[in-house]
């Protein structure tokens, strides 16, 4: 039984705040901001986050500051998510997690270089929501249920965990239903993931297919995805990650194409026959 979440006093950073958010979502217990005692580091009912110089999940200690300089970029949130068995999915589907790890363990200059952006871009992307939450959390010495900051942090933690749960559920469902197509086109094959219509996948099917592709490590292989149209009985067809050899504006004059985006990244069709869907992809193909 967890009875307290303890983290460092003073300035707050995104990694320790988000780690505490996740922990609040799991354990509705008070948060205390001060140095831990040796007894608290040994007590698994006290979760010690981003302080204490110890990483020992069995004793619920999650600090990374003692890791050697050559250790992979890691932050307190990484350690908590790993303890919950969620780190791999979080790293794959939360694009912001990698930069957060770099920022906390390497600083803004090296993070900007890693991202390939100017140093100033790091601060330009700061949100007033981030600033206020960090500032108000830093001002507190103890937080508990009923405090607006505590309750908001609980909502943040719930959303972080719920998103990963839903993503994993969608991936598992797509894995049960999806088909891989390899459509011949000259001396090449157009690799496609096709998701047949299924009532269980009515919510954001294109996003679910994208998550499935990333979970399976198929980025760079898949050129297009085909998924049930939420607004009609047909299908949507999209290039995956802006594959440069597909332009669906090329099929806008086809009688069964209901809509083709002028930028060419997707189209919608009333067609349901797999052969016809493959034909439309071939028609949208641009030979190198």
C-alpha atoms as a PDB file:
ATOM      1  CA  UNK A   1       0.000   0.000   0.000  1.00  0.00           C
ATOM      2  CA  UNK A   2       1.421   3.351  -1.081  1.00  0.00           C
ATOM      3  CA  UNK A   3       0.773   6.075   1.485  1.00  0.00           C
ATOM      4  CA  UNK A   4       2.926   8.979   0.248  1.00  0.00           C
ATOM      5  CA  UNK A   5       4.534  10.263  -2.938  1.00  0.00           C
ATOM      6  CA  UNK A   6       7.695  12.186  -2.131  1.00  0.00           C
ATOM      7  CA  UNK A   7       9.688  14.351  -4.541  1.00  0.00           C
ATOM      8  CA  UNK A   8      12.278  17.101  -4.316  1.00  0.00           C
ATOM      9  CA  UNK A   9      11.601  20.650  -3.107  1.00  0.00           C
ATOM     10  CA  UNK A  10      12.420  23.802  -5.060  1.00  0.00           C
ATOM     11  CA  UNK A  11      12.123  24.146  -8.812  1.00  0.00           C
ATOM     12  CA  UNK A  12       9.966  21.634 -10.623  1.00  0.00           C
ATOM     13  CA  UNK A  13      10.584  20.132 -14.040  1.00  0.00           C
ATOM     14  CA  UNK A  14       8.384  18.399 -16.549  1.00  0.00           C
ATOM     15  CA  UNK A  15       9.751  14.931 -15.816  1.00  0.00           C
ATOM     16  CA  UNK A  16       9.157  14.917 -12.058  1.00  0.00           C
ATOM     17  CA  UNK A  17       5.759  16.618 -12.406  1.00  0.00           C
ATOM     18  CA  UNK A  18       4.571  14.106 -15.015  1.00  0.00           C
ATOM     19  CA  UNK A  19       5.941  11.201 -12.999  1.00  0.00           C
ATOM     20  CA  UNK A  20       3.948  12.419 -10.018  1.00  0.00           C
ATOM     21  CA  UNK A  21       0.870  12.878 -12.245  1.00  0.00           C
ATOM     22  CA  UNK A  22       1.030   9.215 -13.254  1.00  0.00           C
ATOM     23  CA  UNK A  23       1.552   8.127  -9.656  1.00  0.00           C
ATOM     24  CA  UNK A  24      -1.388  10.218  -8.447  1.00  0.00           C
ATOM     25  CA  UNK A  25      -3.570   8.536 -11.063  1.00  0.00           C
ATOM     26  CA  UNK A  26      -2.535   5.147  -9.641  1.00  0.00           C
ATOM     27  CA  UNK A  27      -2.350   6.045  -5.963  1.00  0.00           C
ATOM     28  CA  UNK A  28      -4.579   8.812  -4.614  1.00  0.00           C
ATOM     29  CA  UNK A  29      -2.209   9.678  -1.780  1.00  0.00           C
ATOM     30  CA  UNK A  30      -0.638  12.949  -0.626  1.00  0.00           C
ATOM     31  CA  UNK A  31       2.393  14.407  -2.394  1.00  0.00           C
ATOM     32  CA  UNK A  32       5.180  15.808  -0.221  1.00  0.00           C
ATOM     33  CA  UNK A  33       8.045  17.922  -1.572  1.00  0.00           C
ATOM     34  CA  UNK A  34      11.145  17.602   0.614  1.00  0.00           C
ATOM     35  CA  UNK A  35      14.294  15.497   1.009  1.00  0.00           C
ATOM     36  CA  UNK A  36      13.656  11.821   1.838  1.00  0.00           C
ATOM     37  CA  UNK A  37      14.958  10.211   4.985  1.00  0.00           C
ATOM     38  CA  UNK A  38      16.920   6.927   4.871  1.00  0.00           C
ATOM     39  CA  UNK A  39      13.916   5.214   6.422  1.00  0.00           C
ATOM     40  CA  UNK A  40      11.649   6.528   3.667  1.00  0.00           C
ATOM     41  CA  UNK A  41      14.029   5.270   0.980  1.00  0.00           C
ATOM     42  CA  UNK A  42      13.733   1.817   2.556  1.00  0.00           C
ATOM     43  CA  UNK A  43       9.951   2.004   2.889  1.00  0.00           C
ATOM     44  CA  UNK A  44       8.078   0.786  -0.242  1.00  0.00           C
ATOM     45  CA  UNK A  45       4.931   2.551   0.957  1.00  0.00           C
ATOM     46  CA  UNK A  46       6.717   5.863   0.254  1.00  0.00           C
ATOM     47  CA  UNK A  47       7.296   6.480  -3.450  1.00  0.00           C
ATOM     48  CA  UNK A  48      10.455   8.594  -3.843  1.00  0.00           C
ATOM     49  CA  UNK A  49      10.604  10.354  -7.214  1.00  0.00           C
ATOM     50  CA  UNK A  50      13.508  12.229  -8.847  1.00  0.00           C
ATOM     51  CA  UNK A  51      15.457  12.474  -5.625  1.00  0.00           C
ATOM     52  CA  UNK A  52      17.365  10.231  -3.228  1.00  0.00           C
ATOM     53  CA  UNK A  53      20.101   8.935  -5.525  1.00  0.00           C
ATOM     54  CA  UNK A  54      18.536   5.491  -5.776  1.00  0.00           C
ATOM     55  CA  UNK A  55      16.687   3.618  -8.501  1.00  0.00           C
ATOM     56  CA  UNK A  56      15.086   0.615  -6.841  1.00  0.00           C
ATOM     57  CA  UNK A  57      11.547  -0.114  -8.093  1.00  0.00           C
ATOM     58  CA  UNK A  58      11.009  -2.790  -5.432  1.00  0.00           C
ATOM     59  CA  UNK A  59      11.378  -0.102  -2.800  1.00  0.00           C
ATOM     60  CA  UNK A  60       9.537   2.405  -5.023  1.00  0.00           C
ATOM     61  CA  UNK A  61      12.591   4.632  -5.507  1.00  0.00           C
ATOM     62  CA  UNK A  62      12.785   6.344  -8.903  1.00  0.00           C
ATOM     63  CA  UNK A  63      15.805   8.605  -9.223  1.00  0.00           C
ATOM     64  CA  UNK A  64      18.109   8.837 -12.244  1.00  0.00           C
ATOM     65  CA  UNK A  65      20.552  11.531 -11.235  1.00  0.00           C
ATOM     66  CA  UNK A  66      23.225   9.024 -10.149  1.00  0.00           C
ATOM     67  CA  UNK A  67      23.303   7.345 -13.571  1.00  0.00           C
ATOM     68  CA  UNK A  68      26.665   7.711 -15.374  1.00  0.00           C
ATOM     69  CA  UNK A  69      27.182  10.358 -18.048  1.00  0.00           C
ATOM     70  CA  UNK A  70      27.081   7.768 -20.873  1.00  0.00           C
ATOM     71  CA  UNK A  71      23.734   6.338 -19.725  1.00  0.00           C
ATOM     72  CA  UNK A  72      20.942   6.657 -22.283  1.00  0.00           C
ATOM     73  CA  UNK A  73      18.822   9.801 -21.739  1.00  0.00           C
ATOM     74  CA  UNK A  74      16.445   8.955 -18.910  1.00  0.00           C
ATOM     75  CA  UNK A  75      14.170  10.887 -16.601  1.00  0.00           C
ATOM     76  CA  UNK A  76      11.978  10.179 -13.580  1.00  0.00           C
ATOM     77  CA  UNK A  77       8.932   9.655 -15.773  1.00  0.00           C
ATOM     78  CA  UNK A  78      10.829   7.028 -17.786  1.00  0.00           C
ATOM     79  CA  UNK A  79      11.552   5.071 -14.611  1.00  0.00           C
ATOM     80  CA  UNK A  80       7.953   5.193 -13.363  1.00  0.00           C
ATOM     81  CA  UNK A  81       6.545   4.156 -16.744  1.00  0.00           C
ATOM     82  CA  UNK A  82       9.059   1.324 -16.934  1.00  0.00           C
ATOM     83  CA  UNK A  83       7.986   0.127 -13.489  1.00  0.00           C
ATOM     84  CA  UNK A  84       4.375   0.075 -14.711  1.00  0.00           C
ATOM     85  CA  UNK A  85       5.340  -1.894 -17.836  1.00  0.00           C
ATOM     86  CA  UNK A  86       4.358   1.011 -20.092  1.00  0.00           C
ATOM     87  CA  UNK A  87       7.681   2.504 -21.133  1.00  0.00           C
ATOM     88  CA  UNK A  88       8.041   0.865 -24.551  1.00  0.00           C
ATOM     89  CA  UNK A  89       4.563   1.913 -25.649  1.00  0.00           C
ATOM     90  CA  UNK A  90       5.058   5.396 -24.188  1.00  0.00           C
ATOM     91  CA  UNK A  91       8.381   5.831 -25.988  1.00  0.00           C
ATOM     92  CA  UNK A  92       6.800   4.692 -29.239  1.00  0.00           C
ATOM     93  CA  UNK A  93       3.553   6.682 -29.102  1.00  0.00           C
ATOM     94  CA  UNK A  94       4.446   9.773 -27.064  1.00  0.00           C
ATOM     95  CA  UNK A  95       6.659  11.780 -29.411  1.00  0.00           C
ATOM     96  CA  UNK A  96       7.335  14.261 -26.621  1.00  0.00           C
ATOM     97  CA  UNK A  97       8.857  11.676 -24.252  1.00  0.00           C
ATOM     98  CA  UNK A  98      12.223  11.409 -26.007  1.00  0.00           C
ATOM     99  CA  UNK A  99      12.809  15.190 -25.939  1.00  0.00           C
ATOM    100  CA  UNK A 100      11.699  15.272 -22.292  1.00  0.00           C
ATOM    101  CA  UNK A 101      14.311  12.624 -21.453  1.00  0.00           C
ATOM    102  CA  UNK A 102      16.999  14.516 -23.342  1.00  0.00           C
ATOM    103  CA  UNK A 103      16.081  17.864 -21.814  1.00  0.00           C
ATOM    104  CA  UNK A 104      16.173  16.552 -18.266  1.00  0.00           C
ATOM    105  CA  UNK A 105      19.370  14.536 -18.597  1.00  0.00           C
ATOM    106  CA  UNK A 106      21.321  16.538 -21.204  1.00  0.00           C
ATOM    107  CA  UNK A 107      19.980  20.091 -20.983  1.00  0.00           C
ATOM    108  CA  UNK A 108      18.416  22.409 -23.582  1.00  0.00           C
ATOM    109  CA  UNK A 109      21.525  22.953 -25.742  1.00  0.00           C
ATOM    110  CA  UNK A 110      22.183  19.265 -26.414  1.00  0.00           C
ATOM    111  CA  UNK A 111      18.458  18.592 -26.759  1.00  0.00           C
ATOM    112  CA  UNK A 112      18.171  21.236 -29.460  1.00  0.00           C
ATOM    113  CA  UNK A 113      21.178  19.770 -31.276  1.00  0.00           C
ATOM    114  CA  UNK A 114      19.677  16.269 -31.047  1.00  0.00           C
ATOM    115  CA  UNK A 115      16.401  17.554 -32.495  1.00  0.00           C
ATOM    116  CA  UNK A 116      18.226  19.550 -35.167  1.00  0.00           C
ATOM    117  CA  UNK A 117      16.634  22.860 -34.176  1.00  0.00           C
ATOM    118  CA  UNK A 118      17.993  26.176 -32.844  1.00  0.00           C
ATOM    119  CA  UNK A 119      18.420  26.407 -29.078  1.00  0.00           C
ATOM    120  CA  UNK A 120      15.721  29.067 -28.903  1.00  0.00           C
ATOM    121  CA  UNK A 121      13.151  26.677 -30.394  1.00  0.00           C
ATOM    122  CA  UNK A 122      13.088  24.805 -27.076  1.00  0.00           C
ATOM    123  CA  UNK A 123      11.739  27.822 -25.190  1.00  0.00           C
ATOM    124  CA  UNK A 124       9.543  28.885 -28.103  1.00  0.00           C
ATOM    125  CA  UNK A 125       7.602  25.641 -27.704  1.00  0.00           C
ATOM    126  CA  UNK A 126       6.889  26.239 -24.011  1.00  0.00           C
ATOM    127  CA  UNK A 127       3.187  26.401 -23.224  1.00  0.00           C
ATOM    128  CA  UNK A 128       1.655  28.720 -20.585  1.00  0.00           C
ATOM    129  CA  UNK A 129      -0.121  25.614 -19.303  1.00  0.00           C
ATOM    130  CA  UNK A 130       3.256  23.961 -18.678  1.00  0.00           C
ATOM    131  CA  UNK A 131       4.665  27.075 -17.044  1.00  0.00           C
ATOM    132  CA  UNK A 132       1.739  27.533 -14.667  1.00  0.00           C
ATOM    133  CA  UNK A 133       1.571  23.898 -13.631  1.00  0.00           C
ATOM    134  CA  UNK A 134       5.330  23.725 -12.999  1.00  0.00           C
ATOM    135  CA  UNK A 135       5.352  27.032 -11.104  1.00  0.00           C
ATOM    136  CA  UNK A 136       2.374  26.205  -8.897  1.00  0.00           C
ATOM    137  CA  UNK A 137       3.685  22.718  -8.156  1.00  0.00           C
ATOM    138  CA  UNK A 138       7.092  24.194  -7.252  1.00  0.00           C
ATOM    139  CA  UNK A 139       5.446  26.564  -4.762  1.00  0.00           C
ATOM    140  CA  UNK A 140       3.767  23.736  -2.869  1.00  0.00           C
ATOM    141  CA  UNK A 141       5.254  21.735  -0.018  1.00  0.00           C
ATOM    142  CA  UNK A 142       2.375  19.268   0.203  1.00  0.00           C
ATOM    143  CA  UNK A 143      -0.593  18.473  -2.020  1.00  0.00           C
ATOM    144  CA  UNK A 144      -3.595  16.238  -1.494  1.00  0.00           C
ATOM    145  CA  UNK A 145      -6.987  15.478  -3.013  1.00  0.00           C
ATOM    146  CA  UNK A 146      -9.163  18.587  -3.142  1.00  0.00           C
ATOM    147  CA  UNK A 147      -6.291  20.900  -4.018  1.00  0.00           C
ATOM    148  CA  UNK A 148      -6.802  22.199  -7.593  1.00  0.00           C
ATOM    149  CA  UNK A 149      -3.212  21.438  -8.625  1.00  0.00           C
ATOM    150  CA  UNK A 150      -3.371  17.917  -7.200  1.00  0.00           C
ATOM    151  CA  UNK A 151      -6.704  17.195  -8.880  1.00  0.00           C
ATOM    152  CA  UNK A 152      -5.495  18.584 -12.209  1.00  0.00           C
ATOM    153  CA  UNK A 153      -2.342  16.501 -12.007  1.00  0.00           C
ATOM    154  CA  UNK A 154      -4.505  13.457 -11.384  1.00  0.00           C
ATOM    155  CA  UNK A 155      -6.417  14.198 -14.580  1.00  0.00           C
ATOM    156  CA  UNK A 156      -3.161  14.539 -16.514  1.00  0.00           C
ATOM    157  CA  UNK A 157      -1.966  11.206 -15.161  1.00  0.00           C
ATOM    158  CA  UNK A 158      -5.269   9.513 -15.976  1.00  0.00           C
ATOM    159  CA  UNK A 159      -5.161  10.794 -19.549  1.00  0.00           C
ATOM    160  CA  UNK A 160      -1.561   9.634 -20.002  1.00  0.00           C
ATOM    161  CA  UNK A 161      -2.401   6.147 -18.789  1.00  0.00           C
ATOM    162  CA  UNK A 162      -5.771   5.938 -20.554  1.00  0.00           C
ATOM    163  CA  UNK A 163      -4.222   6.907 -23.874  1.00  0.00           C
ATOM    164  CA  UNK A 164      -1.645   4.133 -23.663  1.00  0.00           C
ATOM    165  CA  UNK A 165      -4.323   1.634 -22.636  1.00  0.00           C
ATOM    166  CA  UNK A 166      -6.564   2.577 -25.564  1.00  0.00           C
ATOM    167  CA  UNK A 167      -3.653   2.551 -28.009  1.00  0.00           C
ATOM    168  CA  UNK A 168      -2.659  -0.942 -26.909  1.00  0.00           C
ATOM    169  CA  UNK A 169      -6.264  -2.170 -27.166  1.00  0.00           C
ATOM    170  CA  UNK A 170      -6.529  -0.762 -30.709  1.00  0.00           C
ATOM    171  CA  UNK A 171      -3.226  -2.303 -31.739  1.00  0.00           C
ATOM    172  CA  UNK A 172      -4.365  -5.703 -30.525  1.00  0.00           C
ATOM    173  CA  UNK A 173      -7.665  -5.364 -32.394  1.00  0.00           C
ATOM    174  CA  UNK A 174      -5.988  -4.260 -35.611  1.00  0.00           C
ATOM    175  CA  UNK A 175      -3.572  -7.175 -35.309  1.00  0.00           C
ATOM    176  CA  UNK A 176      -6.563  -9.534 -35.277  1.00  0.00           C
ATOM    177  CA  UNK A 177      -8.225  -8.059 -38.378  1.00  0.00           C
ATOM    178  CA  UNK A 178      -5.600  -6.374 -40.567  1.00  0.00           C
ATOM    179  CA  UNK A 179      -4.196  -7.738 -43.811  1.00  0.00           C
ATOM    180  CA  UNK A 180      -0.867  -6.988 -45.474  1.00  0.00           C
ATOM    181  CA  UNK A 181      -0.971  -6.314 -49.186  1.00  0.00           C
ATOM    182  CA  UNK A 182       2.044  -6.356 -51.496  1.00  0.00           C
ATOM    183  CA  UNK A 183       0.707  -4.868 -54.730  1.00  0.00           C
ATOM    184  CA  UNK A 184       2.917  -5.376 -57.816  1.00  0.00           C
ATOM    185  CA  UNK A 185       3.814  -2.160 -59.595  1.00  0.00           C
ATOM    186  CA  UNK A 186       6.417  -2.649 -62.292  1.00  0.00           C
ATOM    187  CA  UNK A 187       9.471  -4.115 -60.645  1.00  0.00           C
ATOM    188  CA  UNK A 188       8.352  -2.912 -57.212  1.00  0.00           C
ATOM    189  CA  UNK A 189       5.819  -3.907 -54.571  1.00  0.00           C
ATOM    190  CA  UNK A 190       3.546  -1.355 -52.909  1.00  0.00           C
ATOM    191  CA  UNK A 191       3.290  -2.404 -49.274  1.00  0.00           C
ATOM    192  CA  UNK A 192      -0.127  -1.669 -47.751  1.00  0.00           C
ATOM    193  CA  UNK A 193      -1.966  -2.413 -44.512  1.00  0.00           C
ATOM    194  CA  UNK A 194      -5.685  -3.010 -45.092  1.00  0.00           C
ATOM    195  CA  UNK A 195      -8.141  -2.925 -42.202  1.00  0.00           C
ATOM    196  CA  UNK A 196     -11.518  -4.483 -43.088  1.00  0.00           C
ATOM    197  CA  UNK A 197     -14.638  -2.986 -41.591  1.00  0.00           C
ATOM    198  CA  UNK A 198     -15.218  -4.143 -38.015  1.00  0.00           C
ATOM    199  CA  UNK A 199     -17.671  -2.633 -35.524  1.00  0.00           C
ATOM    200  CA  UNK A 200     -15.095  -2.784 -32.743  1.00  0.00           C
ATOM    201  CA  UNK A 201     -12.797  -0.492 -34.722  1.00  0.00           C
ATOM    202  CA  UNK A 202     -15.286   2.261 -35.535  1.00  0.00           C
ATOM    203  CA  UNK A 203     -13.365   4.864 -33.528  1.00  0.00           C
ATOM    204  CA  UNK A 204     -10.383   6.467 -35.329  1.00  0.00           C
ATOM    205  CA  UNK A 205      -9.497   3.450 -37.499  1.00  0.00           C
ATOM    206  CA  UNK A 206      -6.771   5.251 -39.461  1.00  0.00           C
ATOM    207  CA  UNK A 207      -5.000   6.228 -36.249  1.00  0.00           C
ATOM    208  CA  UNK A 208      -5.306   2.671 -34.957  1.00  0.00           C
ATOM    209  CA  UNK A 209      -3.670   1.319 -38.119  1.00  0.00           C
ATOM    210  CA  UNK A 210      -0.852   3.844 -37.777  1.00  0.00           C
ATOM    211  CA  UNK A 211      -0.235   2.736 -34.191  1.00  0.00           C
ATOM    212  CA  UNK A 212      -0.238  -0.893 -35.315  1.00  0.00           C
ATOM    213  CA  UNK A 213       2.387  -0.166 -37.976  1.00  0.00           C
ATOM    214  CA  UNK A 214       4.644   1.534 -35.453  1.00  0.00           C
ATOM    215  CA  UNK A 215       4.156  -1.244 -32.901  1.00  0.00           C
ATOM    216  CA  UNK A 216       5.151  -3.809 -35.525  1.00  0.00           C
ATOM    217  CA  UNK A 217       8.208  -1.805 -36.567  1.00  0.00           C
ATOM    218  CA  UNK A 218       6.957  -1.393 -40.144  1.00  0.00           C
ATOM    219  CA  UNK A 219       7.802   2.291 -40.583  1.00  0.00           C
ATOM    220  CA  UNK A 220       9.717   2.775 -43.797  1.00  0.00           C
ATOM    221  CA  UNK A 221       8.094  -0.323 -45.285  1.00  0.00           C
ATOM    222  CA  UNK A 222       4.404   0.552 -45.527  1.00  0.00           C
ATOM    223  CA  UNK A 223       3.452   3.010 -48.255  1.00  0.00           C
ATOM    224  CA  UNK A 224      -0.318   3.249 -47.690  1.00  0.00           C
ATOM    225  CA  UNK A 225      -3.109   2.309 -45.330  1.00  0.00           C
ATOM    226  CA  UNK A 226      -6.703   1.428 -46.174  1.00  0.00           C
ATOM    227  CA  UNK A 227      -9.287   1.723 -43.418  1.00  0.00           C
ATOM    228  CA  UNK A 228     -13.088   1.935 -42.973  1.00  0.00           C
ATOM    229  CA  UNK A 229     -14.568   5.364 -43.679  1.00  0.00           C
ATOM    230  CA  UNK A 230     -16.287   6.522 -40.486  1.00  0.00           C
ATOM    231  CA  UNK A 231     -18.794   8.591 -42.499  1.00  0.00           C
ATOM    232  CA  UNK A 232     -19.720   6.079 -45.141  1.00  0.00           C
ATOM    233  CA  UNK A 233     -19.791   2.441 -46.170  1.00  0.00           C
ATOM    234  CA  UNK A 234     -16.556   2.653 -48.180  1.00  0.00           C
ATOM    235  CA  UNK A 235     -12.922   3.179 -47.269  1.00  0.00           C
ATOM    236  CA  UNK A 236     -10.335   5.842 -46.754  1.00  0.00           C
ATOM    237  CA  UNK A 237      -6.934   5.418 -48.369  1.00  0.00           C
ATOM    238  CA  UNK A 238      -3.956   7.386 -47.118  1.00  0.00           C
ATOM    239  CA  UNK A 239      -0.255   7.417 -47.776  1.00  0.00           C
ATOM    240  CA  UNK A 240       1.614   6.426 -44.643  1.00  0.00           C
ATOM    241  CA  UNK A 241       3.969   9.068 -43.273  1.00  0.00           C
ATOM    242  CA  UNK A 242       3.705  11.077 -46.488  1.00  0.00           C
ATOM    243  CA  UNK A 243       5.156   8.377 -48.716  1.00  0.00           C
ATOM    244  CA  UNK A 244       6.567  10.336 -51.656  1.00  0.00           C
ATOM    245  CA  UNK A 245       5.394   7.899 -54.362  1.00  0.00           C
ATOM    246  CA  UNK A 246       1.649   8.263 -53.724  1.00  0.00           C
ATOM    247  CA  UNK A 247      -0.571  11.151 -54.792  1.00  0.00           C
ATOM    248  CA  UNK A 248      -4.268  10.455 -54.340  1.00  0.00           C
ATOM    249  CA  UNK A 249      -5.254  13.645 -56.153  1.00  0.00           C
ATOM    250  CA  UNK A 250      -4.518  11.553 -59.259  1.00  0.00           C
ATOM    251  CA  UNK A 251      -7.689   9.499 -58.643  1.00  0.00           C
ATOM    252  CA  UNK A 252     -10.112  12.335 -57.990  1.00  0.00           C
ATOM    253  CA  UNK A 253     -11.800  11.788 -61.380  1.00  0.00           C
ATOM    254  CA  UNK A 254     -12.571   8.135 -60.669  1.00  0.00           C
ATOM    255  CA  UNK A 255     -16.343   7.541 -60.437  1.00  0.00           C
ATOM    256  CA  UNK A 256     -16.158   5.745 -57.081  1.00  0.00           C
ATOM    257  CA  UNK A 257     -13.848   8.293 -55.442  1.00  0.00           C
ATOM    258  CA  UNK A 258     -15.958  10.520 -53.221  1.00  0.00           C
ATOM    259  CA  UNK A 259     -13.190  12.886 -52.219  1.00  0.00           C
ATOM    260  CA  UNK A 260      -9.505  13.282 -52.917  1.00  0.00           C
ATOM    261  CA  UNK A 261      -7.468  15.825 -50.988  1.00  0.00           C
ATOM    262  CA  UNK A 262      -5.774  18.344 -53.287  1.00  0.00           C
ATOM    263  CA  UNK A 263      -2.478  17.804 -51.489  1.00  0.00           C
ATOM    264  CA  UNK A 264      -2.706  14.133 -52.429  1.00  0.00           C
ATOM    265  CA  UNK A 265      -2.256  12.566 -49.014  1.00  0.00           C
ATOM    266  CA  UNK A 266      -5.620  10.737 -48.928  1.00  0.00           C
ATOM    267  CA  UNK A 267      -8.889   9.933 -50.656  1.00  0.00           C
ATOM    268  CA  UNK A 268     -12.225   8.393 -49.775  1.00  0.00           C
ATOM    269  CA  UNK A 269     -14.022   5.898 -51.948  1.00  0.00           C
ATOM    270  CA  UNK A 270     -17.332   4.068 -52.012  1.00  0.00           C
ATOM    271  CA  UNK A 271     -15.477   0.980 -53.233  1.00  0.00           C
ATOM    272  CA  UNK A 272     -15.432  -2.012 -50.918  1.00  0.00           C
ATOM    273  CA  UNK A 273     -13.938  -4.655 -53.205  1.00  0.00           C
ATOM    274  CA  UNK A 274     -10.311  -5.340 -52.296  1.00  0.00           C
ATOM    275  CA  UNK A 275      -9.305  -5.600 -55.939  1.00  0.00           C
ATOM    276  CA  UNK A 276     -10.739  -2.168 -56.693  1.00  0.00           C
ATOM    277  CA  UNK A 277      -9.060  -0.630 -53.657  1.00  0.00           C
ATOM    278  CA  UNK A 278      -5.731  -1.976 -54.877  1.00  0.00           C
ATOM    279  CA  UNK A 279      -6.408  -0.517 -58.338  1.00  0.00           C
ATOM    280  CA  UNK A 280      -6.902   2.947 -56.865  1.00  0.00           C
ATOM    281  CA  UNK A 281      -3.590   2.703 -55.027  1.00  0.00           C
ATOM    282  CA  UNK A 282      -1.833   1.712 -58.251  1.00  0.00           C
ATOM    283  CA  UNK A 283      -3.459   4.655 -60.065  1.00  0.00           C
ATOM    284  CA  UNK A 284      -2.171   6.993 -57.355  1.00  0.00           C
ATOM    285  CA  UNK A 285       1.367   5.640 -57.648  1.00  0.00           C
ATOM    286  CA  UNK A 286       4.010   7.968 -59.064  1.00  0.00           C
ATOM    287  CA  UNK A 287       6.813   6.163 -60.863  1.00  0.00           C
ATOM    288  CA  UNK A 288      10.242   7.363 -59.784  1.00  0.00           C
END
